Amino acid sequence: MKDLIKIAILSIAKYTGLFSLARSYYKNRIRILCYHGFSLRDEEQFVPGLFVKPEIFDKRMKYLKDKGYNIISLDEAYEAVKSDKIEDNSVVITIDDGFYSTFAAALPILKKYNFASTLYLTSFYFDKPFPIFTLTLDYMFWRNEQSVIDFSTIGIEELETFTAVKAKSKEFEKAQEIVKSAGRSYKNEEKRFELLQKLGDTLKQDFDDIAESRILAMLDEDELKECIDAGMDIEIHTHGHSFPTDMEKAKREIQENKKRIDPLLPRPMRHFCYPSGRWSKEHWPLLDQQNIKTSTTCDNGLVTTKTPVHAWSRYLDSARISQLEYEAELAGFNELLRAVRGK
C-alpha cells in the first residue's frame, strides 16, 4: 500500500508539471547516480538492490540523453563545485565494485551514448579467476530447489549431523552460515573455490557453469584496459571492500587499493567511494592526507557547492527502482520531498 501511495503521488506530480518545476529549481545541483552490477542471468532477482537489467540501464541512459542532462566526470564535478560554477542539470554516473558485468553489459551502453562514467574498483578479487565467495555462496543457497538437503558430505565437521535439512528452515540458514564461516577462515581462494564446488554438488547446482559465466566475478586487467580506453575513470573503493574505524587499517585499505590499481591507469586515482556507503567524519582527515578530492556515500541527495567534499550524496539505482522514481530523483522532486520531510 505504501508503494502504491508513493507511485500515485509521483504520477500526479509528474503530470501536473511539478517534476519540471523541481528540475528548474534544482538545476544548479549535481545528481550522482550509483550502480553496482548488471544482470547477465537472474542476478537482479537474487539481489535487486545491487543489480539491474542491461535493458533497464539502457533505458535510463536514453532518458538522460533525450532529456538533455549534462553528463560530466567526477573531476568536472569537483572543479564545478570548487569554482562555484555548476552547469545546469549536471549528472555523474558512477559504478561500484568492478563486476565483470560492468565490462560486459554496462560499457557497451555507456559507449553507445558517449557518456563519461566512473568505476570505483575494489582490488582484492580484481583479476582473479574466482567468483566472489560470499556472494556466490548466497546465490547458490538462494537458487536451491531441493526440499531436503544432506550437508554432511561437504566435509565440515559442524555439518556432519545436518543429513536431512529442510529448505528455508532455520537449520538451512544455519548451514549457510556455517559454510560461509568455514570459507572465510581459509587463507586462499583456491580452497574457497573447492568449497563452492562441493556446495554445488550438495545443492545439485552446476557450480562450474556459474563460475564460467562470471556473473559474480570481477573484471580482469584486459577488460579494465578496454574500460579505460573507452573513457571510463577508475577510482578508489578500498582493497577488501572495507573501511575500518581503525585509521591505520583504513589507510592500508586505500594504499593497497592504489598499489594494485594505480600502475594500470593513465593517472593515479584521486576520488573515493565508501564501501557499502558507511561513512564517518572521523575519516575525513585521513582522506585529506591521502590527497583524495571527493568521497561519495550512498545517501540520497543532490550535491551543491556547500556539500562537504567527503560526503557527496548519490542515488542508488537498481532493480528496485521504477522508471518513475528514477525520473523523480533526476528532476529534483525527491529532493523537494526530502526537504519537506526535513531530511
C-alpha atoms as a PDB file:
ATOM      1  CA  MET A   1       0.000   0.000   0.000  1.00  0.00           C
ATOM      2  CA  LYS A   2       2.842   2.377   0.882  1.00  0.00           C
ATOM      3  CA  ASP A   3       4.454   1.836  -2.528  1.00  0.00           C
ATOM      4  CA  LEU A   4       1.142   2.400  -4.313  1.00  0.00           C
ATOM      5  CA  ILE A   5       0.649   5.704  -2.497  1.00  0.00           C
ATOM      6  CA  LYS A   6       4.189   6.743  -3.404  1.00  0.00           C
ATOM      7  CA  ILE A   7       3.699   5.919  -7.084  1.00  0.00           C
ATOM      8  CA  ALA A   8       0.368   7.762  -7.087  1.00  0.00           C
ATOM      9  CA  ILE A   9       1.986  10.887  -5.597  1.00  0.00           C
ATOM     10  CA  LEU A  10       4.846  10.790  -8.103  1.00  0.00           C
ATOM     11  CA  SER A  11       2.468  10.226 -11.033  1.00  0.00           C
ATOM     12  CA  ILE A  12       0.334  13.201 -10.055  1.00  0.00           C
ATOM     13  CA  ALA A  13       3.451  15.335  -9.554  1.00  0.00           C
ATOM     14  CA  LYS A  14       4.855  14.411 -12.949  1.00  0.00           C
ATOM     15  CA  TYR A  15       1.689  15.037 -14.932  1.00  0.00           C
ATOM     16  CA  THR A  16       0.853  18.296 -13.161  1.00  0.00           C
ATOM     17  CA  GLY A  17       4.257  19.736 -14.027  1.00  0.00           C
ATOM     18  CA  LEU A  18       5.896  19.507 -10.598  1.00  0.00           C
ATOM     19  CA  PHE A  19       8.785  17.451 -11.968  1.00  0.00           C
ATOM     20  CA  SER A  20       9.567  20.250 -14.421  1.00  0.00           C
ATOM     21  CA  LEU A  21       9.339  22.889 -11.721  1.00  0.00           C
ATOM     22  CA  ALA A  22      11.631  20.886  -9.437  1.00  0.00           C
ATOM     23  CA  ARG A  23      14.152  20.389 -12.247  1.00  0.00           C
ATOM     24  CA  SER A  24      14.236  24.134 -12.838  1.00  0.00           C
ATOM     25  CA  TYR A  25      14.531  24.917  -9.126  1.00  0.00           C
ATOM     26  CA  TYR A  26      17.338  22.391  -8.531  1.00  0.00           C
ATOM     27  CA  LYS A  27      19.059  22.802 -11.893  1.00  0.00           C
ATOM     28  CA  ASN A  28      22.333  24.029 -10.381  1.00  0.00           C
ATOM     29  CA  ARG A  29      22.869  20.922  -8.259  1.00  0.00           C
ATOM     30  CA  ILE A  30      24.763  17.797  -9.271  1.00  0.00           C
ATOM     31  CA  ARG A  31      22.990  14.468  -9.453  1.00  0.00           C
ATOM     32  CA  ILE A  32      25.285  11.471  -8.888  1.00  0.00           C
ATOM     33  CA  LEU A  33      23.907   8.094  -9.960  1.00  0.00           C
ATOM     34  CA  CYS A  34      25.201   4.906  -8.354  1.00  0.00           C
ATOM     35  CA  TYR A  35      25.162   1.422  -9.908  1.00  0.00           C
ATOM     36  CA  HIS A  36      26.740  -1.877  -8.913  1.00  0.00           C
ATOM     37  CA  GLY A  37      26.147  -4.923 -11.105  1.00  0.00           C
ATOM     38  CA  PHE A  38      24.270  -5.542 -14.341  1.00  0.00           C
ATOM     39  CA  SER A  39      22.274  -8.716 -14.644  1.00  0.00           C
ATOM     40  CA  LEU A  40      23.621 -11.275 -17.121  1.00  0.00           C
ATOM     41  CA  ARG A  41      21.252 -14.006 -15.916  1.00  0.00           C
ATOM     42  CA  ASP A  42      18.983 -13.627 -12.895  1.00  0.00           C
ATOM     43  CA  GLU A  43      21.132 -11.520 -10.572  1.00  0.00           C
ATOM     44  CA  GLU A  44      18.549  -8.727 -10.341  1.00  0.00           C
ATOM     45  CA  GLN A  45      16.173 -11.255  -8.748  1.00  0.00           C
ATOM     46  CA  PHE A  46      18.882 -12.510  -6.388  1.00  0.00           C
ATOM     47  CA  VAL A  47      19.894  -9.063  -5.049  1.00  0.00           C
ATOM     48  CA  PRO A  48      17.521  -6.489  -6.572  1.00  0.00           C
ATOM     49  CA  GLY A  49      19.157  -3.711  -4.590  1.00  0.00           C
ATOM     50  CA  LEU A  50      22.523  -4.238  -6.316  1.00  0.00           C
ATOM     51  CA  PHE A  51      21.773  -5.413  -9.839  1.00  0.00           C
ATOM     52  CA  VAL A  52      19.804  -4.001 -12.750  1.00  0.00           C
ATOM     53  CA  LYS A  53      18.959  -5.483 -16.141  1.00  0.00           C
ATOM     54  CA  PRO A  54      21.040  -4.083 -19.029  1.00  0.00           C
ATOM     55  CA  GLU A  55      17.897  -3.125 -20.929  1.00  0.00           C
ATOM     56  CA  ILE A  56      16.740  -1.050 -17.946  1.00  0.00           C
ATOM     57  CA  PHE A  57      20.170   0.585 -17.708  1.00  0.00           C
ATOM     58  CA  ASP A  58      19.929   1.398 -21.415  1.00  0.00           C
ATOM     59  CA  LYS A  59      16.510   2.951 -20.838  1.00  0.00           C
ATOM     60  CA  ARG A  60      17.915   5.064 -18.001  1.00  0.00           C
ATOM     61  CA  MET A  61      20.807   6.304 -20.138  1.00  0.00           C
ATOM     62  CA  LYS A  62      18.495   7.041 -23.066  1.00  0.00           C
ATOM     63  CA  TYR A  63      16.326   9.133 -20.740  1.00  0.00           C
ATOM     64  CA  LEU A  64      19.371  11.184 -19.725  1.00  0.00           C
ATOM     65  CA  LYS A  65      20.213  11.742 -23.399  1.00  0.00           C
ATOM     66  CA  ASP A  66      16.671  12.522 -24.510  1.00  0.00           C
ATOM     67  CA  LYS A  67      16.036  14.955 -21.656  1.00  0.00           C
ATOM     68  CA  GLY A  68      19.261  16.861 -22.187  1.00  0.00           C
ATOM     69  CA  TYR A  69      21.022  16.125 -18.927  1.00  0.00           C
ATOM     70  CA  ASN A  70      24.631  17.275 -18.809  1.00  0.00           C
ATOM     71  CA  ILE A  71      26.781  14.172 -18.200  1.00  0.00           C
ATOM     72  CA  ILE A  72      30.099  15.083 -16.570  1.00  0.00           C
ATOM     73  CA  SER A  73      33.039  13.289 -14.951  1.00  0.00           C
ATOM     74  CA  LEU A  74      33.864  13.369 -11.248  1.00  0.00           C
ATOM     75  CA  ASP A  75      36.807  15.655 -11.990  1.00  0.00           C
ATOM     76  CA  GLU A  76      34.491  18.065 -13.800  1.00  0.00           C
ATOM     77  CA  ALA A  77      32.029  17.892 -10.903  1.00  0.00           C
ATOM     78  CA  TYR A  78      34.805  18.655  -8.421  1.00  0.00           C
ATOM     79  CA  GLU A  79      36.037  21.642 -10.440  1.00  0.00           C
ATOM     80  CA  ALA A  80      32.472  22.906 -10.860  1.00  0.00           C
ATOM     81  CA  VAL A  81      31.855  22.813  -7.117  1.00  0.00           C
ATOM     82  CA  LYS A  82      35.256  24.312  -6.354  1.00  0.00           C
ATOM     83  CA  SER A  83      34.710  27.229  -8.746  1.00  0.00           C
ATOM     84  CA  ASP A  84      31.036  27.630  -7.838  1.00  0.00           C
ATOM     85  CA  LYS A  85      30.083  27.136 -11.491  1.00  0.00           C
ATOM     86  CA  ILE A  86      27.801  24.113 -11.661  1.00  0.00           C
ATOM     87  CA  GLU A  87      26.271  23.770 -15.103  1.00  0.00           C
ATOM     88  CA  ASP A  88      22.526  23.175 -15.270  1.00  0.00           C
ATOM     89  CA  ASN A  89      21.255  19.614 -14.778  1.00  0.00           C
ATOM     90  CA  SER A  90      24.676  18.017 -14.390  1.00  0.00           C
ATOM     91  CA  VAL A  91      24.801  14.255 -13.782  1.00  0.00           C
ATOM     92  CA  VAL A  92      27.699  11.987 -12.784  1.00  0.00           C
ATOM     93  CA  ILE A  93      27.420   8.242 -13.483  1.00  0.00           C
ATOM     94  CA  THR A  94      29.268   6.008 -11.011  1.00  0.00           C
ATOM     95  CA  ILE A  95      29.575   2.221 -10.774  1.00  0.00           C
ATOM     96  CA  ASP A  96      30.867   0.450  -7.668  1.00  0.00           C
ATOM     97  CA  ASP A  97      32.970  -2.674  -7.138  1.00  0.00           C
ATOM     98  CA  GLY A  98      34.035  -3.790 -10.626  1.00  0.00           C
ATOM     99  CA  PHE A  99      31.839  -6.732 -11.529  1.00  0.00           C
ATOM    100  CA  TYR A 100      32.573  -8.417 -14.857  1.00  0.00           C
ATOM    101  CA  SER A 101      29.130  -7.225 -15.960  1.00  0.00           C
ATOM    102  CA  THR A 102      30.391  -3.621 -15.817  1.00  0.00           C
ATOM    103  CA  PHE A 103      32.584  -4.515 -18.777  1.00  0.00           C
ATOM    104  CA  ALA A 104      30.230  -6.993 -20.463  1.00  0.00           C
ATOM    105  CA  ALA A 105      26.923  -5.130 -20.125  1.00  0.00           C
ATOM    106  CA  ALA A 106      27.341  -1.524 -18.960  1.00  0.00           C
ATOM    107  CA  LEU A 107      30.341  -0.440 -21.019  1.00  0.00           C
ATOM    108  CA  PRO A 108      28.714  -1.005 -24.446  1.00  0.00           C
ATOM    109  CA  ILE A 109      25.710   1.068 -23.337  1.00  0.00           C
ATOM    110  CA  LEU A 110      27.859   3.900 -21.995  1.00  0.00           C
ATOM    111  CA  LYS A 111      29.819   3.886 -25.266  1.00  0.00           C
ATOM    112  CA  LYS A 112      26.557   3.939 -27.217  1.00  0.00           C
ATOM    113  CA  TYR A 113      25.569   7.246 -25.588  1.00  0.00           C
ATOM    114  CA  ASN A 114      29.151   8.535 -25.321  1.00  0.00           C
ATOM    115  CA  PHE A 115      28.733   9.119 -21.576  1.00  0.00           C
ATOM    116  CA  ALA A 116      31.522   9.779 -19.109  1.00  0.00           C
ATOM    117  CA  SER A 117      31.497   7.411 -16.131  1.00  0.00           C
ATOM    118  CA  THR A 118      33.464   6.358 -13.071  1.00  0.00           C
ATOM    119  CA  LEU A 119      34.217   2.858 -11.821  1.00  0.00           C
ATOM    120  CA  TYR A 120      35.111   2.610  -8.136  1.00  0.00           C
ATOM    121  CA  LEU A 121      37.205  -0.555  -8.224  1.00  0.00           C
ATOM    122  CA  THR A 122      37.953  -2.846  -5.286  1.00  0.00           C
ATOM    123  CA  SER A 123      41.183  -4.765  -5.707  1.00  0.00           C
ATOM    124  CA  PHE A 124      41.015  -7.984  -3.657  1.00  0.00           C
ATOM    125  CA  TYR A 125      39.112 -10.014  -6.279  1.00  0.00           C
ATOM    126  CA  PHE A 126      40.246  -7.933  -9.235  1.00  0.00           C
ATOM    127  CA  ASP A 127      41.845 -10.051 -11.978  1.00  0.00           C
ATOM    128  CA  LYS A 128      41.383 -13.286 -10.004  1.00  0.00           C
ATOM    129  CA  PRO A 129      39.870 -16.348 -11.748  1.00  0.00           C
ATOM    130  CA  PHE A 130      37.434 -16.903  -8.884  1.00  0.00           C
ATOM    131  CA  PRO A 131      33.890 -15.709  -8.202  1.00  0.00           C
ATOM    132  CA  ILE A 132      33.306 -13.629  -5.077  1.00  0.00           C
ATOM    133  CA  PHE A 133      32.993 -16.235  -2.340  1.00  0.00           C
ATOM    134  CA  THR A 134      30.221 -14.973  -0.052  1.00  0.00           C
ATOM    135  CA  LEU A 135      28.087 -13.659  -2.886  1.00  0.00           C
ATOM    136  CA  THR A 136      28.352 -16.921  -4.856  1.00  0.00           C
ATOM    137  CA  LEU A 137      27.584 -18.986  -1.767  1.00  0.00           C
ATOM    138  CA  ASP A 138      24.463 -16.933  -1.035  1.00  0.00           C
ATOM    139  CA  TYR A 139      23.465 -17.188  -4.693  1.00  0.00           C
ATOM    140  CA  MET A 140      23.576 -20.990  -4.654  1.00  0.00           C
ATOM    141  CA  PHE A 141      21.565 -21.181  -1.441  1.00  0.00           C
ATOM    142  CA  TRP A 142      19.061 -18.737  -2.971  1.00  0.00           C
ATOM    143  CA  ARG A 143      18.742 -20.899  -6.106  1.00  0.00           C
ATOM    144  CA  ASN A 144      18.255 -24.134  -4.201  1.00  0.00           C
ATOM    145  CA  GLU A 145      15.205 -26.092  -5.377  1.00  0.00           C
ATOM    146  CA  GLN A 146      15.598 -29.214  -3.247  1.00  0.00           C
ATOM    147  CA  SER A 147      13.143 -29.775  -0.428  1.00  0.00           C
ATOM    148  CA  VAL A 148      15.599 -31.754   1.755  1.00  0.00           C
ATOM    149  CA  ILE A 149      19.390 -31.412   1.660  1.00  0.00           C
ATOM    150  CA  ASP A 150      22.215 -33.545   3.068  1.00  0.00           C
ATOM    151  CA  PHE A 151      25.054 -31.187   4.090  1.00  0.00           C
ATOM    152  CA  SER A 152      27.149 -33.879   5.807  1.00  0.00           C
ATOM    153  CA  THR A 153      29.152 -34.653   2.651  1.00  0.00           C
ATOM    154  CA  ILE A 154      30.676 -31.153   2.349  1.00  0.00           C
ATOM    155  CA  GLY A 155      33.451 -32.041   4.776  1.00  0.00           C
ATOM    156  CA  ILE A 156      32.777 -29.515   7.530  1.00  0.00           C
ATOM    157  CA  GLU A 157      32.698 -31.064  10.997  1.00  0.00           C
ATOM    158  CA  GLU A 158      29.871 -28.848  12.239  1.00  0.00           C
ATOM    159  CA  LEU A 159      27.652 -30.119   9.416  1.00  0.00           C
ATOM    160  CA  GLU A 160      28.113 -33.851   9.994  1.00  0.00           C
ATOM    161  CA  THR A 161      24.687 -34.134  11.643  1.00  0.00           C
ATOM    162  CA  PHE A 162      22.944 -31.992   9.001  1.00  0.00           C
ATOM    163  CA  THR A 163      21.780 -35.003   6.980  1.00  0.00           C
ATOM    164  CA  ALA A 164      18.154 -34.113   6.269  1.00  0.00           C
ATOM    165  CA  VAL A 165      17.771 -30.343   6.338  1.00  0.00           C
ATOM    166  CA  LYS A 166      14.528 -28.853   5.080  1.00  0.00           C
ATOM    167  CA  ALA A 167      14.878 -25.951   2.650  1.00  0.00           C
ATOM    168  CA  LYS A 168      14.246 -22.465   4.030  1.00  0.00           C
ATOM    169  CA  SER A 169      14.274 -23.762   7.617  1.00  0.00           C
ATOM    170  CA  LYS A 170      16.327 -22.283  10.455  1.00  0.00           C
ATOM    171  CA  GLU A 171      18.637 -25.289  10.143  1.00  0.00           C
ATOM    172  CA  PHE A 172      19.069 -24.480   6.430  1.00  0.00           C
ATOM    173  CA  GLU A 173      20.006 -20.900   7.298  1.00  0.00           C
ATOM    174  CA  LYS A 174      22.398 -22.163   9.976  1.00  0.00           C
ATOM    175  CA  ALA A 175      24.081 -24.468   7.455  1.00  0.00           C
ATOM    176  CA  GLN A 176      24.532 -21.473   5.154  1.00  0.00           C
ATOM    177  CA  GLU A 177      26.297 -19.509   7.889  1.00  0.00           C
ATOM    178  CA  ILE A 178      28.489 -22.470   8.850  1.00  0.00           C
ATOM    179  CA  VAL A 179      29.681 -22.920   5.259  1.00  0.00           C
ATOM    180  CA  LYS A 180      30.267 -19.190   4.954  1.00  0.00           C
ATOM    181  CA  SER A 181      32.246 -19.063   8.196  1.00  0.00           C
ATOM    182  CA  ALA A 182      34.360 -22.040   7.144  1.00  0.00           C
ATOM    183  CA  GLY A 183      35.182 -20.416   3.818  1.00  0.00           C
ATOM    184  CA  ARG A 184      36.142 -17.141   5.448  1.00  0.00           C
ATOM    185  CA  SER A 185      38.595 -18.998   7.672  1.00  0.00           C
ATOM    186  CA  TYR A 186      40.504 -20.291   4.648  1.00  0.00           C
ATOM    187  CA  LYS A 187      43.609 -18.320   3.696  1.00  0.00           C
ATOM    188  CA  ASN A 188      43.408 -18.736  -0.073  1.00  0.00           C
ATOM    189  CA  GLU A 189      40.780 -18.541  -2.776  1.00  0.00           C
ATOM    190  CA  GLU A 190      41.645 -21.986  -4.168  1.00  0.00           C
ATOM    191  CA  LYS A 191      40.260 -23.639  -1.014  1.00  0.00           C
ATOM    192  CA  ARG A 192      37.158 -21.439  -1.103  1.00  0.00           C
ATOM    193  CA  PHE A 193      36.671 -22.375  -4.760  1.00  0.00           C
ATOM    194  CA  GLU A 194      36.838 -26.076  -3.842  1.00  0.00           C
ATOM    195  CA  LEU A 195      34.311 -25.497  -1.054  1.00  0.00           C
ATOM    196  CA  LEU A 196      31.928 -23.846  -3.502  1.00  0.00           C
ATOM    197  CA  GLN A 197      32.318 -26.825  -5.845  1.00  0.00           C
ATOM    198  CA  LYS A 198      31.340 -29.184  -3.015  1.00  0.00           C
ATOM    199  CA  LEU A 199      28.415 -26.934  -2.134  1.00  0.00           C
ATOM    200  CA  GLY A 200      27.306 -27.039  -5.760  1.00  0.00           C
ATOM    201  CA  ASP A 201      27.307 -30.850  -5.656  1.00  0.00           C
ATOM    202  CA  THR A 202      25.320 -30.797  -2.396  1.00  0.00           C
ATOM    203  CA  LEU A 203      22.729 -28.333  -3.711  1.00  0.00           C
ATOM    204  CA  LYS A 204      22.599 -30.098  -7.110  1.00  0.00           C
ATOM    205  CA  GLN A 205      23.769 -26.990  -8.955  1.00  0.00           C
ATOM    206  CA  ASP A 206      26.311 -26.631 -11.741  1.00  0.00           C
ATOM    207  CA  PHE A 207      28.928 -24.552  -9.963  1.00  0.00           C
ATOM    208  CA  ASP A 208      31.354 -24.764 -12.875  1.00  0.00           C
ATOM    209  CA  ASP A 209      28.727 -23.110 -15.088  1.00  0.00           C
ATOM    210  CA  ILE A 210      28.194 -20.349 -12.510  1.00  0.00           C
ATOM    211  CA  ALA A 211      31.936 -19.764 -12.245  1.00  0.00           C
ATOM    212  CA  GLU A 212      32.481 -19.764 -16.019  1.00  0.00           C
ATOM    213  CA  SER A 213      29.601 -17.323 -16.546  1.00  0.00           C
ATOM    214  CA  ARG A 214      31.434 -14.793 -14.323  1.00  0.00           C
ATOM    215  CA  ILE A 215      28.131 -13.319 -13.200  1.00  0.00           C
ATOM    216  CA  LEU A 216      29.540 -12.903  -9.678  1.00  0.00           C
ATOM    217  CA  ALA A 217      33.181 -12.307 -10.588  1.00  0.00           C
ATOM    218  CA  MET A 218      35.290  -9.226 -11.176  1.00  0.00           C
ATOM    219  CA  LEU A 219      36.671  -7.936 -14.432  1.00  0.00           C
ATOM    220  CA  ASP A 220      40.308  -8.595 -15.339  1.00  0.00           C
ATOM    221  CA  GLU A 221      43.211  -6.411 -16.477  1.00  0.00           C
ATOM    222  CA  ASP A 222      42.448  -6.675 -20.198  1.00  0.00           C
ATOM    223  CA  GLU A 223      38.807  -5.753 -19.607  1.00  0.00           C
ATOM    224  CA  LEU A 224      39.830  -2.892 -17.338  1.00  0.00           C
ATOM    225  CA  LYS A 225      42.072  -1.578 -20.105  1.00  0.00           C
ATOM    226  CA  GLU A 226      39.107  -1.587 -22.511  1.00  0.00           C
ATOM    227  CA  CYS A 227      37.067   0.350 -19.960  1.00  0.00           C
ATOM    228  CA  ILE A 228      39.872   2.919 -19.631  1.00  0.00           C
ATOM    229  CA  ASP A 229      40.294   3.167 -23.407  1.00  0.00           C
ATOM    230  CA  ALA A 230      36.559   3.843 -23.678  1.00  0.00           C
ATOM    231  CA  GLY A 231      36.916   6.822 -21.331  1.00  0.00           C
ATOM    232  CA  MET A 232      35.846   5.312 -18.011  1.00  0.00           C
ATOM    233  CA  ASP A 233      37.616   6.814 -14.979  1.00  0.00           C
ATOM    234  CA  ILE A 234      38.833   4.325 -12.358  1.00  0.00           C
ATOM    235  CA  GLU A 235      38.775   5.397  -8.728  1.00  0.00           C
ATOM    236  CA  ILE A 236      39.347   4.140  -5.156  1.00  0.00           C
ATOM    237  CA  HIS A 237      37.000   1.675  -3.447  1.00  0.00           C
ATOM    238  CA  THR A 238      39.444   0.064  -0.954  1.00  0.00           C
ATOM    239  CA  HIS A 239      41.238  -3.269  -1.285  1.00  0.00           C
ATOM    240  CA  GLY A 240      38.871  -5.593   0.558  1.00  0.00           C
ATOM    241  CA  HIS A 241      35.647  -3.552   0.358  1.00  0.00           C
ATOM    242  CA  SER A 242      36.208  -2.483   3.949  1.00  0.00           C
ATOM    243  CA  PHE A 243      36.937   0.863   5.617  1.00  0.00           C
ATOM    244  CA  PRO A 244      37.563   0.276   9.347  1.00  0.00           C
ATOM    245  CA  THR A 245      37.286   2.878  12.069  1.00  0.00           C
ATOM    246  CA  ASP A 246      40.891   1.988  12.942  1.00  0.00           C
ATOM    247  CA  MET A 247      42.670   4.693  10.927  1.00  0.00           C
ATOM    248  CA  GLU A 248      45.828   2.667  10.266  1.00  0.00           C
ATOM    249  CA  LYS A 249      43.769  -0.203   8.858  1.00  0.00           C
ATOM    250  CA  ALA A 250      41.652   2.229   6.839  1.00  0.00           C
ATOM    251  CA  LYS A 251      44.822   3.808   5.473  1.00  0.00           C
ATOM    252  CA  ARG A 252      46.124   0.380   4.412  1.00  0.00           C
ATOM    253  CA  GLU A 253      42.834  -0.320   2.613  1.00  0.00           C
ATOM    254  CA  ILE A 254      43.365   2.787   0.479  1.00  0.00           C
ATOM    255  CA  GLN A 255      47.069   2.224  -0.070  1.00  0.00           C
ATOM    256  CA  GLU A 256      46.648  -1.451  -1.042  1.00  0.00           C
ATOM    257  CA  ASN A 257      43.919  -0.440  -3.479  1.00  0.00           C
ATOM    258  CA  LYS A 258      46.159   2.187  -5.067  1.00  0.00           C
ATOM    259  CA  LYS A 259      49.201  -0.082  -5.096  1.00  0.00           C
ATOM    260  CA  ARG A 260      47.321  -2.695  -7.120  1.00  0.00           C
ATOM    261  CA  ILE A 261      45.335  -0.460  -9.470  1.00  0.00           C
ATOM    262  CA  ASP A 262      47.281   2.790  -9.985  1.00  0.00           C
ATOM    263  CA  PRO A 263      50.046   1.206 -12.127  1.00  0.00           C
ATOM    264  CA  LEU A 264      47.403   0.166 -14.646  1.00  0.00           C
ATOM    265  CA  LEU A 265      45.948   3.660 -15.055  1.00  0.00           C
ATOM    266  CA  PRO A 266      46.871   6.712 -17.138  1.00  0.00           C
ATOM    267  CA  ARG A 267      46.782   8.783 -13.936  1.00  0.00           C
ATOM    268  CA  PRO A 268      46.627   7.972 -10.190  1.00  0.00           C
ATOM    269  CA  MET A 269      43.236   7.519  -8.561  1.00  0.00           C
ATOM    270  CA  ARG A 270      42.061  10.585  -6.621  1.00  0.00           C
ATOM    271  CA  HIS A 271      38.362  10.071  -5.826  1.00  0.00           C
ATOM    272  CA  PHE A 272      36.966   7.699  -3.202  1.00  0.00           C
ATOM    273  CA  CYS A 273      33.772   5.747  -2.552  1.00  0.00           C
ATOM    274  CA  TYR A 274      32.877   4.475   0.929  1.00  0.00           C
ATOM    275  CA  PRO A 275      32.346   0.665   0.847  1.00  0.00           C
ATOM    276  CA  SER A 276      28.670  -0.148   1.430  1.00  0.00           C
ATOM    277  CA  GLY A 277      28.053   3.582   1.839  1.00  0.00           C
ATOM    278  CA  ARG A 278      29.059   3.552   5.512  1.00  0.00           C
ATOM    279  CA  TRP A 279      30.943   6.725   6.355  1.00  0.00           C
ATOM    280  CA  SER A 280      32.070   8.881   9.241  1.00  0.00           C
ATOM    281  CA  LYS A 281      33.519  12.379   9.594  1.00  0.00           C
ATOM    282  CA  GLU A 282      36.335  10.745  11.557  1.00  0.00           C
ATOM    283  CA  HIS A 283      37.765   9.513   8.252  1.00  0.00           C
ATOM    284  CA  TRP A 284      37.911  12.953   6.634  1.00  0.00           C
ATOM    285  CA  PRO A 285      41.412  13.943   7.880  1.00  0.00           C
ATOM    286  CA  LEU A 286      42.751  10.609   6.586  1.00  0.00           C
ATOM    287  CA  LEU A 287      41.107  11.147   3.201  1.00  0.00           C
ATOM    288  CA  ASP A 288      42.682  14.610   3.032  1.00  0.00           C
ATOM    289  CA  GLN A 289      46.081  13.153   3.932  1.00  0.00           C
ATOM    290  CA  GLN A 290      45.710  10.675   1.062  1.00  0.00           C
ATOM    291  CA  ASN A 291      45.084  13.601  -1.350  1.00  0.00           C
ATOM    292  CA  ILE A 292      41.576  12.396  -2.142  1.00  0.00           C
ATOM    293  CA  LYS A 293      39.463  15.081  -3.810  1.00  0.00           C
ATOM    294  CA  THR A 294      35.946  13.716  -3.252  1.00  0.00           C
ATOM    295  CA  SER A 295      34.271  10.873  -1.377  1.00  0.00           C
ATOM    296  CA  THR A 296      30.831   9.537  -2.253  1.00  0.00           C
ATOM    297  CA  THR A 297      28.262   7.918   0.018  1.00  0.00           C
ATOM    298  CA  CYS A 298      25.053   6.032  -0.708  1.00  0.00           C
ATOM    299  CA  ASP A 299      22.918   8.679   0.991  1.00  0.00           C
ATOM    300  CA  ASN A 300      20.219  10.167  -1.208  1.00  0.00           C
ATOM    301  CA  GLY A 301      20.588  13.816  -2.119  1.00  0.00           C
ATOM    302  CA  LEU A 302      21.905  16.338  -4.618  1.00  0.00           C
ATOM    303  CA  VAL A 303      25.363  17.886  -4.419  1.00  0.00           C
ATOM    304  CA  THR A 304      25.786  21.637  -4.006  1.00  0.00           C
ATOM    305  CA  THR A 305      28.774  23.926  -3.553  1.00  0.00           C
ATOM    306  CA  LYS A 306      28.166  23.645   0.206  1.00  0.00           C
ATOM    307  CA  THR A 307      28.204  19.849   0.340  1.00  0.00           C
ATOM    308  CA  PRO A 308      31.375  18.608   2.122  1.00  0.00           C
ATOM    309  CA  VAL A 309      33.683  17.019  -0.454  1.00  0.00           C
ATOM    310  CA  HIS A 310      33.891  13.829   1.612  1.00  0.00           C
ATOM    311  CA  ALA A 311      30.117  13.449   1.918  1.00  0.00           C
ATOM    312  CA  TRP A 312      28.820  13.663  -1.615  1.00  0.00           C
ATOM    313  CA  SER A 313      25.392  12.078  -1.930  1.00  0.00           C
ATOM    314  CA  ARG A 314      24.353   9.614  -4.627  1.00  0.00           C
ATOM    315  CA  TYR A 315      21.195   7.928  -5.829  1.00  0.00           C
ATOM    316  CA  LEU A 316      21.382   4.140  -5.841  1.00  0.00           C
ATOM    317  CA  ASP A 317      19.624   2.884  -8.967  1.00  0.00           C
ATOM    318  CA  SER A 318      18.747  -0.809  -9.144  1.00  0.00           C
ATOM    319  CA  ALA A 319      16.034  -3.323  -9.983  1.00  0.00           C
ATOM    320  CA  ARG A 320      14.074  -1.950  -7.022  1.00  0.00           C
ATOM    321  CA  ILE A 321      13.723   1.479  -8.611  1.00  0.00           C
ATOM    322  CA  SER A 322      10.920   2.171 -11.074  1.00  0.00           C
ATOM    323  CA  GLN A 323      11.355   4.467 -14.050  1.00  0.00           C
ATOM    324  CA  LEU A 324       9.034   6.975 -12.391  1.00  0.00           C
ATOM    325  CA  GLU A 325      11.118   7.049  -9.192  1.00  0.00           C
ATOM    326  CA  TYR A 326      14.265   7.451 -11.276  1.00  0.00           C
ATOM    327  CA  GLU A 327      12.764  10.422 -13.128  1.00  0.00           C
ATOM    328  CA  ALA A 328      11.617  11.964  -9.837  1.00  0.00           C
ATOM    329  CA  GLU A 329      15.175  11.839  -8.483  1.00  0.00           C
ATOM    330  CA  LEU A 330      16.721  13.359 -11.588  1.00  0.00           C
ATOM    331  CA  ALA A 331      14.129  16.121 -11.693  1.00  0.00           C
ATOM    332  CA  GLY A 332      14.836  17.002  -8.078  1.00  0.00           C
ATOM    333  CA  PHE A 333      11.301  16.226  -6.954  1.00  0.00           C
ATOM    334  CA  ASN A 334      12.614  13.642  -4.484  1.00  0.00           C
ATOM    335  CA  GLU A 335      14.939  16.322  -3.095  1.00  0.00           C
ATOM    336  CA  LEU A 336      11.901  18.538  -2.605  1.00  0.00           C
ATOM    337  CA  LEU A 337      10.154  15.734  -0.708  1.00  0.00           C
ATOM    338  CA  ARG A 338      13.261  15.222   1.448  1.00  0.00           C
ATOM    339  CA  ALA A 339      13.308  18.948   2.227  1.00  0.00           C
ATOM    340  CA  VAL A 340       9.628  18.837   3.213  1.00  0.00           C
ATOM    341  CA  ARG A 341      10.302  15.879   5.490  1.00  0.00           C
ATOM    342  CA  GLY A 342      13.238  17.753   6.984  1.00  0.00           C
ATOM    343  CA  LYS A 343      15.846  15.202   5.868  1.00  0.00           C
END
